[in-house]
N, C-alpha and C. Protein backbone atom coordinates (compact mmCIF):
# COMPACT_ATOMS: atom_id res chain seq x y z
N MET A 1 29.46 80.49 116.32
CA MET A 1 29.23 81.51 117.32
C MET A 1 28.59 80.87 118.55
N GLN A 2 29.18 81.13 119.70
CA GLN A 2 28.64 80.60 120.95
C GLN A 2 28.30 81.77 121.88
N LYS A 3 27.01 81.91 122.16
CA LYS A 3 26.54 82.98 123.04
C LYS A 3 26.52 82.51 124.48
N SER A 4 27.00 83.37 125.37
CA SER A 4 26.99 83.06 126.79
C SER A 4 26.49 84.28 127.56
N LEU A 5 26.10 84.05 128.80
CA LEU A 5 25.56 85.09 129.66
C LEU A 5 26.31 85.12 130.98
N LEU A 6 26.66 86.34 131.42
CA LEU A 6 27.28 86.53 132.72
C LEU A 6 26.38 87.45 133.53
N LEU A 7 25.78 86.90 134.57
CA LEU A 7 24.94 87.66 135.49
C LEU A 7 25.86 88.28 136.54
N VAL A 8 25.87 89.61 136.63
CA VAL A 8 26.78 90.31 137.54
C VAL A 8 26.00 90.94 138.69
N ALA A 9 26.33 90.55 139.90
CA ALA A 9 25.74 91.13 141.11
C ALA A 9 26.83 91.87 141.88
N HIS A 10 26.42 92.59 142.90
CA HIS A 10 27.37 93.38 143.68
C HIS A 10 28.35 92.50 144.43
N GLY A 11 27.85 91.51 145.13
CA GLY A 11 28.68 90.69 146.01
C GLY A 11 28.46 91.14 147.44
N SER A 12 28.62 90.22 148.37
CA SER A 12 28.34 90.50 149.77
C SER A 12 29.32 89.76 150.66
N ARG A 13 29.49 90.30 151.85
CA ARG A 13 30.28 89.57 152.85
C ARG A 13 29.48 88.38 153.39
N ARG A 14 28.17 88.43 153.24
CA ARG A 14 27.30 87.33 153.66
C ARG A 14 27.31 86.24 152.59
N ALA A 15 27.84 85.11 152.91
CA ALA A 15 27.90 84.00 151.95
C ALA A 15 26.51 83.62 151.46
N GLU A 16 25.51 83.71 152.33
CA GLU A 16 24.14 83.35 151.96
C GLU A 16 23.62 84.24 150.83
N SER A 17 23.98 85.51 150.86
CA SER A 17 23.54 86.43 149.81
C SER A 17 24.16 86.06 148.48
N ASN A 18 25.43 85.73 148.48
CA ASN A 18 26.11 85.31 147.25
C ASN A 18 25.53 84.00 146.74
N ASP A 19 25.19 83.12 147.66
CA ASP A 19 24.59 81.84 147.27
C ASP A 19 23.22 82.05 146.62
N GLU A 20 22.48 83.08 147.07
CA GLU A 20 21.19 83.40 146.43
C GLU A 20 21.40 83.73 144.95
N VAL A 21 22.44 84.50 144.67
CA VAL A 21 22.74 84.87 143.28
C VAL A 21 23.13 83.62 142.49
N ARG A 22 23.89 82.74 143.10
CA ARG A 22 24.27 81.49 142.41
C ARG A 22 23.04 80.63 142.12
N ARG A 23 22.11 80.57 143.07
CA ARG A 23 20.87 79.80 142.84
C ARG A 23 20.03 80.44 141.74
N LEU A 24 19.96 81.77 141.74
CA LEU A 24 19.23 82.46 140.67
C LEU A 24 19.88 82.14 139.33
N THR A 25 21.18 82.16 139.27
CA THR A 25 21.90 81.83 138.04
C THR A 25 21.55 80.42 137.58
N ASP A 26 21.48 79.49 138.51
CA ASP A 26 21.08 78.12 138.17
C ASP A 26 19.67 78.09 137.59
N ARG A 27 18.77 78.85 138.19
CA ARG A 27 17.38 78.88 137.70
C ARG A 27 17.29 79.51 136.32
N VAL A 28 18.07 80.57 136.09
CA VAL A 28 18.10 81.18 134.76
C VAL A 28 18.64 80.17 133.75
N ARG A 29 19.69 79.47 134.13
CA ARG A 29 20.28 78.44 133.25
C ARG A 29 19.24 77.36 132.93
N ASP A 30 18.47 76.94 133.94
CA ASP A 30 17.47 75.89 133.75
C ASP A 30 16.33 76.33 132.83
N THR A 31 16.01 77.62 132.81
CA THR A 31 14.87 78.09 132.01
C THR A 31 15.28 78.72 130.68
N SER A 32 16.56 78.85 130.42
CA SER A 32 17.00 79.55 129.21
C SER A 32 16.93 78.71 127.94
N ALA A 33 16.66 77.43 128.09
CA ALA A 33 16.64 76.51 126.95
C ALA A 33 17.97 76.61 126.22
N SER A 34 17.95 76.89 124.94
CA SER A 34 19.19 76.93 124.18
C SER A 34 19.61 78.35 123.82
N ARG A 35 19.05 79.34 124.51
CA ARG A 35 19.38 80.74 124.19
C ARG A 35 20.86 81.05 124.42
N PHE A 36 21.42 80.49 125.50
CA PHE A 36 22.83 80.69 125.82
C PHE A 36 23.49 79.33 126.02
N ALA A 37 24.69 79.19 125.49
CA ALA A 37 25.42 77.94 125.65
C ALA A 37 25.87 77.77 127.10
N GLU A 38 26.28 78.88 127.71
CA GLU A 38 26.72 78.84 129.11
C GLU A 38 26.17 80.06 129.83
N ILE A 39 25.85 79.88 131.10
CA ILE A 39 25.40 80.98 131.95
C ILE A 39 26.14 80.87 133.28
N GLU A 40 26.81 81.94 133.63
CA GLU A 40 27.57 81.99 134.89
C GLU A 40 27.22 83.28 135.61
N CYS A 41 27.66 83.37 136.86
CA CYS A 41 27.52 84.63 137.59
C CYS A 41 28.90 85.08 138.05
N ALA A 42 28.98 86.36 138.36
CA ALA A 42 30.22 86.96 138.88
C ALA A 42 29.81 88.11 139.79
N PHE A 43 30.77 88.57 140.56
CA PHE A 43 30.49 89.62 141.53
C PHE A 43 31.45 90.79 141.33
N LEU A 44 30.91 91.98 141.51
CA LEU A 44 31.72 93.19 141.38
C LEU A 44 32.76 93.26 142.48
N GLU A 45 32.38 92.87 143.69
CA GLU A 45 33.33 92.89 144.80
C GLU A 45 32.87 91.96 145.91
N LEU A 46 33.75 91.70 146.83
CA LEU A 46 33.48 90.97 148.07
C LEU A 46 33.31 89.46 147.95
N SER A 47 33.22 88.94 146.73
CA SER A 47 33.05 87.49 146.57
C SER A 47 33.54 87.05 145.20
N PRO A 48 34.14 85.88 145.14
CA PRO A 48 34.53 85.36 143.83
C PRO A 48 33.34 84.67 143.16
N PRO A 49 33.40 84.53 141.86
CA PRO A 49 34.43 85.04 140.95
C PRO A 49 34.20 86.52 140.64
N THR A 50 35.28 87.19 140.29
CA THR A 50 35.20 88.58 139.84
C THR A 50 34.63 88.61 138.42
N ILE A 51 34.32 89.80 137.96
CA ILE A 51 33.82 89.93 136.59
C ILE A 51 34.85 89.43 135.58
N PRO A 52 36.12 89.85 135.66
CA PRO A 52 37.09 89.29 134.70
C PRO A 52 37.21 87.77 134.80
N GLU A 53 37.16 87.22 136.02
CA GLU A 53 37.24 85.76 136.15
C GLU A 53 36.03 85.09 135.50
N GLY A 54 34.85 85.65 135.69
CA GLY A 54 33.65 85.08 135.06
C GLY A 54 33.72 85.15 133.55
N LEU A 55 34.17 86.28 133.02
CA LEU A 55 34.32 86.41 131.57
C LEU A 55 35.35 85.44 131.03
N GLU A 56 36.48 85.33 131.71
CA GLU A 56 37.52 84.40 131.27
C GLU A 56 37.03 82.96 131.28
N ARG A 57 36.24 82.60 132.28
CA ARG A 57 35.69 81.24 132.34
C ARG A 57 34.80 80.96 131.13
N LEU A 58 33.96 81.94 130.76
CA LEU A 58 33.09 81.76 129.60
C LEU A 58 33.90 81.69 128.32
N ILE A 59 34.92 82.53 128.20
CA ILE A 59 35.77 82.52 127.00
C ILE A 59 36.51 81.18 126.91
N ALA A 60 37.02 80.69 128.03
CA ALA A 60 37.71 79.40 128.03
C ALA A 60 36.76 78.28 127.61
N GLY A 61 35.46 78.46 127.89
CA GLY A 61 34.46 77.47 127.49
C GLY A 61 34.02 77.59 126.05
N GLY A 62 34.58 78.55 125.33
CA GLY A 62 34.29 78.67 123.90
C GLY A 62 33.40 79.84 123.53
N ALA A 63 33.05 80.70 124.47
CA ALA A 63 32.18 81.83 124.16
C ALA A 63 32.83 82.78 123.17
N THR A 64 32.07 83.15 122.16
CA THR A 64 32.53 84.15 121.20
C THR A 64 31.69 85.42 121.31
N GLU A 65 30.58 85.32 122.02
CA GLU A 65 29.68 86.45 122.23
C GLU A 65 29.15 86.35 123.66
N ILE A 66 29.36 87.39 124.46
CA ILE A 66 28.95 87.35 125.86
C ILE A 66 28.08 88.56 126.17
N THR A 67 26.96 88.29 126.81
CA THR A 67 26.11 89.35 127.33
C THR A 67 26.33 89.42 128.83
N VAL A 68 26.66 90.61 129.31
CA VAL A 68 26.83 90.86 130.74
C VAL A 68 25.54 91.51 131.23
N LEU A 69 24.86 90.87 132.17
CA LEU A 69 23.60 91.38 132.69
C LEU A 69 23.79 91.89 134.11
N PRO A 70 23.80 93.22 134.31
CA PRO A 70 23.95 93.77 135.65
C PRO A 70 22.68 93.53 136.48
N TYR A 71 22.82 92.78 137.54
CA TYR A 71 21.70 92.46 138.44
C TYR A 71 21.63 93.56 139.50
N PHE A 72 21.26 94.76 139.04
CA PHE A 72 21.18 95.95 139.87
C PHE A 72 19.86 96.65 139.56
N LEU A 73 19.29 97.31 140.56
CA LEU A 73 18.01 97.99 140.37
C LEU A 73 18.16 99.43 139.89
N ALA A 74 19.27 100.07 140.16
CA ALA A 74 19.45 101.47 139.79
C ALA A 74 20.83 101.68 139.16
N ALA A 75 20.93 102.78 138.41
CA ALA A 75 22.18 103.08 137.69
C ALA A 75 23.12 103.91 138.55
N GLY A 76 23.59 103.33 139.63
CA GLY A 76 24.59 103.99 140.44
C GLY A 76 25.96 103.88 139.80
N ARG A 77 26.98 104.23 140.56
CA ARG A 77 28.36 104.21 140.05
C ARG A 77 28.77 102.82 139.56
N HIS A 78 28.31 101.79 140.25
CA HIS A 78 28.70 100.43 139.84
C HIS A 78 28.22 100.12 138.42
N VAL A 79 26.97 100.47 138.13
CA VAL A 79 26.41 100.20 136.80
C VAL A 79 27.01 101.14 135.76
N ALA A 80 27.13 102.41 136.10
CA ALA A 80 27.57 103.41 135.13
C ALA A 80 29.07 103.37 134.86
N GLU A 81 29.88 103.01 135.87
CA GLU A 81 31.32 103.08 135.69
C GLU A 81 32.07 101.78 135.96
N ASP A 82 31.82 101.18 137.13
CA ASP A 82 32.64 100.05 137.56
C ASP A 82 32.50 98.82 136.66
N ILE A 83 31.28 98.44 136.36
CA ILE A 83 31.08 97.25 135.51
C ILE A 83 31.67 97.48 134.11
N PRO A 84 31.37 98.62 133.46
CA PRO A 84 32.00 98.84 132.14
C PRO A 84 33.52 98.83 132.19
N GLU A 85 34.11 99.37 133.26
CA GLU A 85 35.57 99.35 133.37
C GLU A 85 36.10 97.93 133.49
N GLU A 86 35.44 97.10 134.28
CA GLU A 86 35.87 95.71 134.44
C GLU A 86 35.73 94.94 133.12
N VAL A 87 34.64 95.17 132.42
CA VAL A 87 34.42 94.49 131.14
C VAL A 87 35.45 94.95 130.11
N ALA A 88 35.79 96.22 130.12
CA ALA A 88 36.75 96.76 129.14
C ALA A 88 38.11 96.09 129.24
N VAL A 89 38.52 95.74 130.44
CA VAL A 89 39.82 95.07 130.62
C VAL A 89 39.83 93.74 129.87
N THR A 90 38.77 92.96 130.05
CA THR A 90 38.69 91.66 129.36
C THR A 90 38.50 91.85 127.86
N GLN A 91 37.71 92.86 127.48
CA GLN A 91 37.49 93.10 126.05
C GLN A 91 38.80 93.43 125.35
N GLN A 92 39.67 94.21 125.99
CA GLN A 92 40.97 94.53 125.40
C GLN A 92 41.85 93.29 125.26
N ALA A 93 41.76 92.39 126.22
CA ALA A 93 42.56 91.16 126.17
C ALA A 93 42.02 90.16 125.15
N HIS A 94 40.74 90.29 124.80
CA HIS A 94 40.09 89.36 123.86
C HIS A 94 39.29 90.14 122.82
N PRO A 95 39.97 90.85 121.92
CA PRO A 95 39.24 91.66 120.93
C PRO A 95 38.40 90.84 119.96
N ASP A 96 38.66 89.55 119.88
CA ASP A 96 37.91 88.68 118.99
C ASP A 96 36.58 88.22 119.60
N VAL A 97 36.35 88.50 120.88
CA VAL A 97 35.11 88.12 121.56
C VAL A 97 34.24 89.36 121.68
N TYR A 98 32.99 89.24 121.25
CA TYR A 98 32.04 90.35 121.36
C TYR A 98 31.43 90.32 122.76
N ILE A 99 31.61 91.41 123.51
CA ILE A 99 31.05 91.49 124.86
C ILE A 99 30.16 92.72 124.92
N GLU A 100 28.89 92.50 125.26
CA GLU A 100 27.96 93.61 125.39
C GLU A 100 27.44 93.64 126.82
N ILE A 101 27.13 94.84 127.28
CA ILE A 101 26.53 95.01 128.60
C ILE A 101 25.06 95.32 128.38
N ALA A 102 24.20 94.44 128.87
CA ALA A 102 22.76 94.62 128.75
C ALA A 102 22.29 95.71 129.72
N PRO A 103 21.12 96.26 129.49
CA PRO A 103 20.57 97.20 130.47
C PRO A 103 20.42 96.52 131.84
N TYR A 104 20.62 97.29 132.90
CA TYR A 104 20.52 96.74 134.24
C TYR A 104 19.07 96.38 134.56
N LEU A 105 18.90 95.51 135.51
CA LEU A 105 17.61 94.93 135.86
C LEU A 105 16.52 95.98 136.08
N GLY A 106 16.83 97.06 136.75
CA GLY A 106 15.83 98.07 137.08
C GLY A 106 15.20 98.75 135.88
N THR A 107 15.79 98.63 134.70
CA THR A 107 15.23 99.26 133.49
C THR A 107 14.17 98.38 132.82
N SER A 108 14.01 97.17 133.28
CA SER A 108 13.10 96.24 132.61
C SER A 108 11.66 96.72 132.66
N GLU A 109 11.01 96.67 131.52
CA GLU A 109 9.58 97.00 131.43
C GLU A 109 8.74 96.03 132.25
N ALA A 110 9.29 94.85 132.53
CA ALA A 110 8.56 93.85 133.31
C ALA A 110 8.58 94.13 134.81
N MET A 111 9.41 95.05 135.25
CA MET A 111 9.59 95.28 136.69
C MET A 111 8.30 95.68 137.42
N PRO A 112 7.51 96.64 136.93
CA PRO A 112 6.29 96.99 137.67
C PRO A 112 5.36 95.79 137.88
N GLN A 113 5.16 95.00 136.83
CA GLN A 113 4.27 93.84 136.97
C GLN A 113 4.88 92.79 137.88
N LEU A 114 6.18 92.62 137.81
CA LEU A 114 6.86 91.67 138.69
C LEU A 114 6.63 92.04 140.15
N LEU A 115 6.78 93.33 140.47
CA LEU A 115 6.56 93.77 141.85
C LEU A 115 5.13 93.51 142.29
N LEU A 116 4.18 93.82 141.43
CA LEU A 116 2.78 93.57 141.77
C LEU A 116 2.49 92.08 141.92
N ASP A 117 3.07 91.28 141.03
CA ASP A 117 2.89 89.82 141.12
C ASP A 117 3.47 89.29 142.42
N MET A 118 4.61 89.82 142.82
CA MET A 118 5.23 89.38 144.08
C MET A 118 4.32 89.70 145.27
N LEU A 119 3.69 90.87 145.24
CA LEU A 119 2.76 91.24 146.31
C LEU A 119 1.55 90.32 146.34
N THR A 120 1.04 90.00 145.16
CA THR A 120 -0.10 89.09 145.06
C THR A 120 0.29 87.71 145.56
N ASP A 121 1.48 87.22 145.15
CA ASP A 121 1.93 85.91 145.57
C ASP A 121 2.14 85.87 147.10
N SER A 122 2.69 86.94 147.66
CA SER A 122 2.91 86.94 149.12
C SER A 122 1.61 87.05 149.88
N ALA A 123 0.62 87.75 149.32
CA ALA A 123 -0.69 87.84 149.98
C ALA A 123 -1.39 86.49 149.98
N VAL A 124 -1.26 85.76 148.87
CA VAL A 124 -1.85 84.42 148.78
C VAL A 124 -1.17 83.49 149.77
N ALA A 125 0.14 83.58 149.86
CA ALA A 125 0.90 82.72 150.79
C ALA A 125 0.58 83.03 152.23
N ALA A 126 0.28 84.31 152.51
CA ALA A 126 -0.02 84.70 153.89
C ALA A 126 -1.42 84.31 154.31
N SER A 127 -2.32 84.05 153.36
CA SER A 127 -3.71 83.71 153.70
C SER A 127 -3.83 82.30 154.24
């Protein structure tokens, strides 16, 4: 069994914004130790790779179990409908691969403390 992670963001016309997501993906990969064999990112729209392309890349790399992590703060249409629809297409094409969609970022119990920590860190940097 090979576990992999696909970090899914919205995507932007601004290349710099998409590059931020790619850098975050690199940082997650660097800190994940051996939890996931592969970690990639994909975008819902406006930038490659698409969600199906990201999933296919992980499957081609040997993934048998994939967690899709929506990098979204709220459960809008993209989280509730669009991402599950995109994942379902790949799941139908690869019924032997287990694909789960993790809760979106905004549901994390760590979020309140993260926000407060960010404020503390920015106050220290501003001093």
